[in-house]
Amino acid sequence: MADVADAPRTSPLRHPAAAPLAVLAAGTAGSAYLYVTDPHEPGHVLPQCPFRLVTGLLCPACGGTRMVYDLMHGHFAEAWLDNRVLLLASPYALSLLGRWIVEGLRGRRWQPRLSRRAQAVVLLVAVAWTVLRNVV
């Protein structure tokens, strides 16, 4: 009869909930820092967009940090001006994170799957948004 001590040990880091909970913890810590650090003002420790740094153009996600700061402080009109497309996509992204966490806590691994058509739509929207915000 095998002893309980002889049973194979699995690391808690291999549990399906480990990764989504780590992402949630990192997002919470980043949000706490962002809440007290205004990205509209110079002097914060937040990184600059590498795409903008190299090209001088706005990427599809530029303004996302300012948008989140404005949302956390109840400045919805300013958040809309920071990045409209990212603001509209945020509820979907948060719902994906929520599902990932729930599935992980139930002991199941979960990955969202996008069809080729959906991937093409996401890419098309990102490219169109990048061009539009840099031309207008």
N, C-alpha and C. Protein backbone atom coordinates (compact mmCIF):
# COMPACT_ATOMS: atom_id res chain seq x y z
N MET A 1 0.85 -1.18 0.00
CA MET A 1 0.00 0.00 0.00
C MET A 1 0.89 1.23 0.00
N ALA A 2 0.61 2.16 -0.86
CA ALA A 2 1.43 3.37 -0.98
C ALA A 2 1.12 4.32 0.16
N ASP A 3 2.16 4.94 0.67
CA ASP A 3 2.03 5.92 1.74
C ASP A 3 1.68 7.28 1.14
N VAL A 4 0.95 8.10 1.89
CA VAL A 4 0.59 9.44 1.43
C VAL A 4 1.84 10.25 1.13
N ALA A 5 2.91 10.01 1.87
CA ALA A 5 4.16 10.74 1.64
C ALA A 5 4.76 10.38 0.29
N ASP A 6 4.40 9.21 -0.25
CA ASP A 6 4.95 8.79 -1.54
C ASP A 6 4.14 9.33 -2.72
N ALA A 7 3.01 9.97 -2.46
CA ALA A 7 2.16 10.51 -3.52
C ALA A 7 2.90 11.63 -4.25
N PRO A 8 2.72 11.70 -5.57
CA PRO A 8 3.40 12.77 -6.32
C PRO A 8 2.90 14.14 -5.86
N ARG A 9 3.81 15.05 -5.75
CA ARG A 9 3.47 16.41 -5.33
C ARG A 9 3.33 17.30 -6.55
N THR A 10 2.32 18.10 -6.52
CA THR A 10 2.14 19.07 -7.60
C THR A 10 2.30 20.46 -7.02
N SER A 11 2.95 21.29 -7.76
CA SER A 11 3.19 22.66 -7.33
C SER A 11 1.91 23.46 -7.40
N PRO A 12 1.66 24.33 -6.39
CA PRO A 12 0.48 25.20 -6.48
C PRO A 12 0.55 26.14 -7.68
N LEU A 13 1.76 26.34 -8.20
CA LEU A 13 1.92 27.22 -9.37
C LEU A 13 1.39 26.56 -10.64
N ARG A 14 1.14 25.26 -10.57
CA ARG A 14 0.61 24.56 -11.74
C ARG A 14 -0.91 24.48 -11.72
N HIS A 15 -1.52 24.99 -10.68
CA HIS A 15 -2.98 24.99 -10.58
C HIS A 15 -3.55 25.91 -11.66
N PRO A 16 -4.65 25.53 -12.28
CA PRO A 16 -5.23 26.36 -13.35
C PRO A 16 -5.58 27.79 -12.92
N ALA A 17 -5.76 28.03 -11.64
CA ALA A 17 -6.11 29.39 -11.19
C ALA A 17 -4.88 30.25 -10.92
N ALA A 18 -3.68 29.66 -10.92
CA ALA A 18 -2.47 30.41 -10.56
C ALA A 18 -2.21 31.58 -11.51
N ALA A 19 -2.24 31.33 -12.80
CA ALA A 19 -1.93 32.39 -13.77
C ALA A 19 -2.98 33.51 -13.76
N PRO A 20 -4.28 33.20 -13.83
CA PRO A 20 -5.24 34.31 -13.83
C PRO A 20 -5.22 35.09 -12.51
N LEU A 21 -4.99 34.42 -11.39
CA LEU A 21 -4.92 35.14 -10.12
C LEU A 21 -3.67 36.01 -10.05
N ALA A 22 -2.57 35.54 -10.66
CA ALA A 22 -1.35 36.36 -10.71
C ALA A 22 -1.57 37.59 -11.57
N VAL A 23 -2.27 37.42 -12.69
CA VAL A 23 -2.58 38.57 -13.56
C VAL A 23 -3.48 39.55 -12.81
N LEU A 24 -4.46 39.03 -12.08
CA LEU A 24 -5.35 39.89 -11.30
C LEU A 24 -4.56 40.65 -10.22
N ALA A 25 -3.65 39.96 -9.54
CA ALA A 25 -2.84 40.60 -8.49
C ALA A 25 -1.94 41.68 -9.09
N ALA A 26 -1.31 41.39 -10.22
CA ALA A 26 -0.45 42.38 -10.87
C ALA A 26 -1.27 43.58 -11.34
N GLY A 27 -2.44 43.31 -11.91
CA GLY A 27 -3.31 44.40 -12.35
C GLY A 27 -3.79 45.26 -11.19
N THR A 28 -4.07 44.62 -10.07
CA THR A 28 -4.51 45.36 -8.88
C THR A 28 -3.37 46.24 -8.36
N ALA A 29 -2.16 45.68 -8.30
CA ALA A 29 -1.01 46.46 -7.84
C ALA A 29 -0.73 47.63 -8.79
N GLY A 30 -0.78 47.36 -10.09
CA GLY A 30 -0.58 48.43 -11.06
C GLY A 30 -1.65 49.50 -10.98
N SER A 31 -2.87 49.08 -10.77
CA SER A 31 -3.98 50.04 -10.63
C SER A 31 -3.83 50.89 -9.39
N ALA A 32 -3.36 50.28 -8.30
CA ALA A 32 -3.16 51.04 -7.06
C ALA A 32 -2.10 52.11 -7.27
N TYR A 33 -1.02 51.75 -7.97
CA TYR A 33 0.02 52.74 -8.27
C TYR A 33 -0.52 53.82 -9.19
N LEU A 34 -1.24 53.39 -10.21
CA LEU A 34 -1.78 54.34 -11.18
C LEU A 34 -2.78 55.30 -10.53
N TYR A 35 -3.53 54.81 -9.56
CA TYR A 35 -4.54 55.64 -8.91
C TYR A 35 -3.92 56.88 -8.27
N VAL A 36 -2.71 56.75 -7.73
CA VAL A 36 -2.06 57.87 -7.04
C VAL A 36 -1.03 58.59 -7.90
N THR A 37 -0.84 58.13 -9.13
CA THR A 37 0.14 58.73 -10.03
C THR A 37 -0.57 59.20 -11.29
N ASP A 38 -0.64 60.49 -11.50
CA ASP A 38 -1.34 61.04 -12.66
C ASP A 38 -0.48 60.92 -13.91
N PRO A 39 -0.86 60.05 -14.86
CA PRO A 39 -0.05 59.90 -16.08
C PRO A 39 -0.14 61.12 -17.00
N HIS A 40 -1.04 62.04 -16.72
CA HIS A 40 -1.13 63.27 -17.50
C HIS A 40 0.00 64.24 -17.12
N GLU A 41 0.61 64.04 -15.96
CA GLU A 41 1.68 64.90 -15.46
C GLU A 41 3.04 64.23 -15.68
N PRO A 42 4.08 65.01 -15.94
CA PRO A 42 5.42 64.41 -16.05
C PRO A 42 5.93 63.99 -14.67
N GLY A 43 6.89 63.07 -14.67
CA GLY A 43 7.53 62.69 -13.42
C GLY A 43 7.09 61.36 -12.85
N HIS A 44 6.23 60.62 -13.55
CA HIS A 44 5.84 59.30 -13.04
C HIS A 44 6.79 58.25 -13.58
N VAL A 45 6.71 57.06 -13.03
CA VAL A 45 7.63 55.98 -13.40
C VAL A 45 7.02 55.06 -14.45
N LEU A 46 5.96 55.47 -15.07
CA LEU A 46 5.29 54.64 -16.06
C LEU A 46 6.05 54.70 -17.39
N PRO A 47 6.19 53.57 -18.07
CA PRO A 47 6.94 53.55 -19.32
C PRO A 47 6.21 54.28 -20.45
N GLN A 48 6.99 54.79 -21.38
CA GLN A 48 6.40 55.40 -22.58
C GLN A 48 6.14 54.31 -23.61
N CYS A 49 5.23 54.59 -24.51
CA CYS A 49 4.94 53.65 -25.59
C CYS A 49 6.16 53.54 -26.50
N PRO A 50 6.72 52.33 -26.69
CA PRO A 50 7.90 52.19 -27.56
C PRO A 50 7.60 52.54 -29.01
N PHE A 51 6.39 52.22 -29.48
CA PHE A 51 6.02 52.55 -30.86
C PHE A 51 6.04 54.07 -31.07
N ARG A 52 5.47 54.79 -30.12
CA ARG A 52 5.44 56.26 -30.23
C ARG A 52 6.84 56.84 -30.06
N LEU A 53 7.63 56.26 -29.19
CA LEU A 53 8.99 56.73 -28.96
C LEU A 53 9.82 56.63 -30.24
N VAL A 54 9.64 55.53 -30.98
CA VAL A 54 10.43 55.29 -32.19
C VAL A 54 9.86 56.05 -33.40
N THR A 55 8.53 56.04 -33.56
CA THR A 55 7.93 56.60 -34.77
C THR A 55 7.34 57.99 -34.59
N GLY A 56 7.01 58.36 -33.37
CA GLY A 56 6.32 59.61 -33.13
C GLY A 56 4.83 59.53 -33.39
N LEU A 57 4.34 58.33 -33.74
CA LEU A 57 2.93 58.11 -34.03
C LEU A 57 2.25 57.41 -32.86
N LEU A 58 0.93 57.55 -32.78
CA LEU A 58 0.16 56.87 -31.75
C LEU A 58 -0.14 55.44 -32.19
N CYS A 59 0.05 54.50 -31.29
CA CYS A 59 -0.31 53.11 -31.56
C CYS A 59 -1.77 52.90 -31.17
N PRO A 60 -2.36 51.73 -31.44
CA PRO A 60 -3.77 51.53 -31.09
C PRO A 60 -4.05 51.62 -29.59
N ALA A 61 -3.05 51.37 -28.75
CA ALA A 61 -3.25 51.38 -27.30
C ALA A 61 -2.78 52.67 -26.64
N CYS A 62 -2.17 53.57 -27.39
CA CYS A 62 -1.70 54.83 -26.79
C CYS A 62 -2.87 55.54 -26.12
N GLY A 63 -2.63 56.02 -24.93
CA GLY A 63 -3.66 56.69 -24.15
C GLY A 63 -4.38 55.75 -23.21
N GLY A 64 -4.06 54.45 -23.27
CA GLY A 64 -4.72 53.48 -22.42
C GLY A 64 -4.46 53.70 -20.94
N THR A 65 -3.24 54.06 -20.58
CA THR A 65 -2.92 54.31 -19.17
C THR A 65 -3.68 55.53 -18.68
N ARG A 66 -3.68 56.58 -19.47
CA ARG A 66 -4.43 57.78 -19.09
C ARG A 66 -5.93 57.48 -19.01
N MET A 67 -6.41 56.64 -19.92
CA MET A 67 -7.82 56.26 -19.93
C MET A 67 -8.20 55.55 -18.63
N VAL A 68 -7.38 54.60 -18.21
CA VAL A 68 -7.67 53.87 -16.97
C VAL A 68 -7.62 54.82 -15.77
N TYR A 69 -6.64 55.70 -15.74
CA TYR A 69 -6.56 56.69 -14.66
C TYR A 69 -7.83 57.53 -14.61
N ASP A 70 -8.26 58.01 -15.77
CA ASP A 70 -9.47 58.84 -15.83
C ASP A 70 -10.70 58.07 -15.41
N LEU A 71 -10.81 56.80 -15.80
CA LEU A 71 -11.95 55.98 -15.39
C LEU A 71 -11.96 55.80 -13.87
N MET A 72 -10.79 55.53 -13.29
CA MET A 72 -10.72 55.32 -11.84
C MET A 72 -11.09 56.58 -11.06
N HIS A 73 -10.94 57.73 -11.68
CA HIS A 73 -11.26 58.98 -11.01
C HIS A 73 -12.60 59.57 -11.47
N GLY A 74 -13.37 58.77 -12.23
CA GLY A 74 -14.70 59.19 -12.63
C GLY A 74 -14.75 60.22 -13.73
N HIS A 75 -13.67 60.36 -14.47
CA HIS A 75 -13.61 61.33 -15.58
C HIS A 75 -13.90 60.59 -16.89
N PHE A 76 -15.16 60.29 -17.13
CA PHE A 76 -15.54 59.45 -18.26
C PHE A 76 -15.34 60.14 -19.61
N ALA A 77 -15.61 61.43 -19.69
CA ALA A 77 -15.43 62.15 -20.96
C ALA A 77 -13.95 62.19 -21.33
N GLU A 78 -13.08 62.40 -20.35
CA GLU A 78 -11.64 62.41 -20.61
C GLU A 78 -11.15 61.03 -21.02
N ALA A 79 -11.70 59.98 -20.39
CA ALA A 79 -11.32 58.61 -20.76
C ALA A 79 -11.70 58.34 -22.22
N TRP A 80 -12.87 58.83 -22.63
CA TRP A 80 -13.32 58.66 -24.01
C TRP A 80 -12.34 59.34 -24.97
N LEU A 81 -11.85 60.51 -24.59
CA LEU A 81 -10.91 61.24 -25.46
C LEU A 81 -9.52 60.59 -25.48
N ASP A 82 -9.15 59.90 -24.41
CA ASP A 82 -7.83 59.27 -24.35
C ASP A 82 -7.70 58.13 -25.35
N ASN A 83 -8.71 57.24 -25.42
CA ASN A 83 -8.67 56.14 -26.37
C ASN A 83 -10.05 55.51 -26.47
N ARG A 84 -10.80 55.90 -27.48
CA ARG A 84 -12.18 55.44 -27.64
C ARG A 84 -12.28 53.94 -27.88
N VAL A 85 -11.46 53.42 -28.76
CA VAL A 85 -11.56 52.00 -29.13
C VAL A 85 -11.19 51.12 -27.94
N LEU A 86 -10.15 51.48 -27.23
CA LEU A 86 -9.74 50.71 -26.06
C LEU A 86 -10.82 50.77 -24.98
N LEU A 87 -11.44 51.91 -24.82
CA LEU A 87 -12.51 52.05 -23.83
C LEU A 87 -13.68 51.14 -24.19
N LEU A 88 -14.04 51.08 -25.46
CA LEU A 88 -15.14 50.22 -25.89
C LEU A 88 -14.79 48.74 -25.76
N ALA A 89 -13.51 48.38 -25.91
CA ALA A 89 -13.09 46.99 -25.82
C ALA A 89 -12.86 46.53 -24.38
N SER A 90 -12.74 47.46 -23.45
CA SER A 90 -12.41 47.11 -22.06
C SER A 90 -13.41 46.17 -21.39
N PRO A 91 -14.72 46.38 -21.52
CA PRO A 91 -15.65 45.42 -20.88
C PRO A 91 -15.45 44.00 -21.38
N TYR A 92 -15.19 43.84 -22.66
CA TYR A 92 -14.96 42.50 -23.22
C TYR A 92 -13.70 41.89 -22.62
N ALA A 93 -12.62 42.68 -22.54
CA ALA A 93 -11.37 42.18 -21.98
C ALA A 93 -11.54 41.80 -20.51
N LEU A 94 -12.27 42.62 -19.76
CA LEU A 94 -12.51 42.31 -18.35
C LEU A 94 -13.37 41.06 -18.19
N SER A 95 -14.32 40.86 -19.10
CA SER A 95 -15.14 39.64 -19.03
C SER A 95 -14.29 38.40 -19.33
N LEU A 96 -13.34 38.52 -20.24
CA LEU A 96 -12.43 37.40 -20.51
C LEU A 96 -11.58 37.08 -19.28
N LEU A 97 -11.07 38.11 -18.61
CA LEU A 97 -10.30 37.89 -17.40
C LEU A 97 -11.17 37.23 -16.33
N GLY A 98 -12.39 37.70 -16.18
CA GLY A 98 -13.30 37.10 -15.21
C GLY A 98 -13.57 35.63 -15.49
N ARG A 99 -13.81 35.30 -16.75
CA ARG A 99 -14.05 33.90 -17.10
C ARG A 99 -12.82 33.05 -16.85
N TRP A 100 -11.63 33.59 -17.17
CA TRP A 100 -10.38 32.87 -16.96
C TRP A 100 -10.20 32.55 -15.47
N ILE A 101 -10.51 33.52 -14.63
CA ILE A 101 -10.40 33.33 -13.18
C ILE A 101 -11.40 32.28 -12.70
N VAL A 102 -12.65 32.40 -13.13
CA VAL A 102 -13.69 31.45 -12.69
C VAL A 102 -13.34 30.03 -13.12
N GLU A 103 -12.95 29.88 -14.38
CA GLU A 103 -12.59 28.54 -14.87
C GLU A 103 -11.39 27.99 -14.10
N GLY A 104 -10.40 28.84 -13.82
CA GLY A 104 -9.24 28.40 -13.06
C GLY A 104 -9.61 27.98 -11.65
N LEU A 105 -10.48 28.73 -11.00
CA LEU A 105 -10.91 28.37 -9.64
C LEU A 105 -11.72 27.07 -9.64
N ARG A 106 -12.35 26.75 -10.75
CA ARG A 106 -13.07 25.47 -10.88
C ARG A 106 -12.13 24.32 -11.24
N GLY A 107 -10.83 24.64 -11.39
CA GLY A 107 -9.85 23.60 -11.69
C GLY A 107 -9.70 23.29 -13.15
N ARG A 108 -10.23 24.15 -14.02
CA ARG A 108 -10.14 23.91 -15.46
C ARG A 108 -9.23 24.94 -16.11
N ARG A 109 -8.46 24.49 -17.06
CA ARG A 109 -7.65 25.41 -17.86
C ARG A 109 -8.54 25.97 -18.97
N TRP A 110 -8.38 27.26 -19.26
CA TRP A 110 -9.23 27.89 -20.26
C TRP A 110 -8.42 28.88 -21.07
N GLN A 111 -8.63 28.85 -22.36
CA GLN A 111 -8.03 29.82 -23.27
C GLN A 111 -9.11 30.30 -24.22
N PRO A 112 -9.23 31.61 -24.39
CA PRO A 112 -10.21 32.08 -25.37
C PRO A 112 -9.73 31.72 -26.78
N ARG A 113 -10.65 31.38 -27.60
CA ARG A 113 -10.32 31.03 -28.98
C ARG A 113 -11.05 32.00 -29.91
N LEU A 114 -10.28 32.60 -30.80
CA LEU A 114 -10.86 33.49 -31.81
C LEU A 114 -10.73 32.82 -33.17
N SER A 115 -11.80 32.86 -33.93
CA SER A 115 -11.76 32.33 -35.29
C SER A 115 -10.83 33.20 -36.13
N ARG A 116 -10.46 32.70 -37.27
CA ARG A 116 -9.62 33.49 -38.19
C ARG A 116 -10.32 34.79 -38.57
N ARG A 117 -11.62 34.72 -38.78
CA ARG A 117 -12.38 35.92 -39.14
C ARG A 117 -12.33 36.95 -38.00
N ALA A 118 -12.50 36.50 -36.76
CA ALA A 118 -12.46 37.40 -35.60
C ALA A 118 -11.06 38.01 -35.45
N GLN A 119 -10.03 37.20 -35.68
CA GLN A 119 -8.67 37.73 -35.62
C GLN A 119 -8.45 38.80 -36.68
N ALA A 120 -8.98 38.56 -37.86
CA ALA A 120 -8.85 39.54 -38.95
C ALA A 120 -9.58 40.83 -38.59
N VAL A 121 -10.75 40.72 -37.97
CA VAL A 121 -11.52 41.91 -37.58
C VAL A 121 -10.75 42.71 -36.54
N VAL A 122 -10.19 42.03 -35.54
CA VAL A 122 -9.41 42.72 -34.50
C VAL A 122 -8.22 43.44 -35.13
N LEU A 123 -7.51 42.76 -36.02
CA LEU A 123 -6.36 43.38 -36.68
C LEU A 123 -6.79 44.57 -37.55
N LEU A 124 -7.87 44.42 -38.27
CA LEU A 124 -8.37 45.49 -39.13
C LEU A 124 -8.78 46.71 -38.29
N VAL A 125 -9.47 46.49 -37.18
CA VAL A 125 -9.87 47.59 -36.31
C VAL A 125 -8.65 48.29 -35.74
N ALA A 126 -7.64 47.51 -35.30
CA ALA A 126 -6.43 48.11 -34.74
C ALA A 126 -5.69 48.95 -35.76
N VAL A 127 -5.56 48.45 -36.98
CA VAL A 127 -4.87 49.21 -38.04
C VAL A 127 -5.67 50.45 -38.41
N ALA A 128 -6.99 50.28 -38.58
CA ALA A 128 -7.83 51.43 -38.94
C ALA A 128 -7.79 52.50 -37.85
N TRP A 129 -7.84 52.09 -36.58
CA TRP A 129 -7.80 53.03 -35.46
C TRP A 129 -6.46 53.76 -35.43
N THR A 130 -5.36 53.03 -35.69
CA THR A 130 -4.04 53.65 -35.71
C THR A 130 -3.95 54.70 -36.81
N VAL A 131 -4.41 54.36 -37.98
CA VAL A 131 -4.37 55.31 -39.10
C VAL A 131 -5.28 56.50 -38.82
N LEU A 132 -6.49 56.24 -38.39
CA LEU A 132 -7.45 57.31 -38.14
C LEU A 132 -6.94 58.30 -37.10
N ARG A 133 -6.42 57.80 -35.98
CA ARG A 133 -6.01 58.72 -34.93
C ARG A 133 -4.73 59.47 -35.26
N ASN A 134 -3.97 59.00 -36.23
CA ASN A 134 -2.75 59.71 -36.62
C ASN A 134 -2.99 60.66 -37.79
N VAL A 135 -4.09 60.48 -38.51
CA VAL A 135 -4.40 61.34 -39.66
C VAL A 135 -5.28 62.50 -39.24
N VAL A 136 -6.25 62.24 -38.42
CA VAL A 136 -7.23 63.26 -38.02
C VAL A 136 -6.68 64.12 -36.92
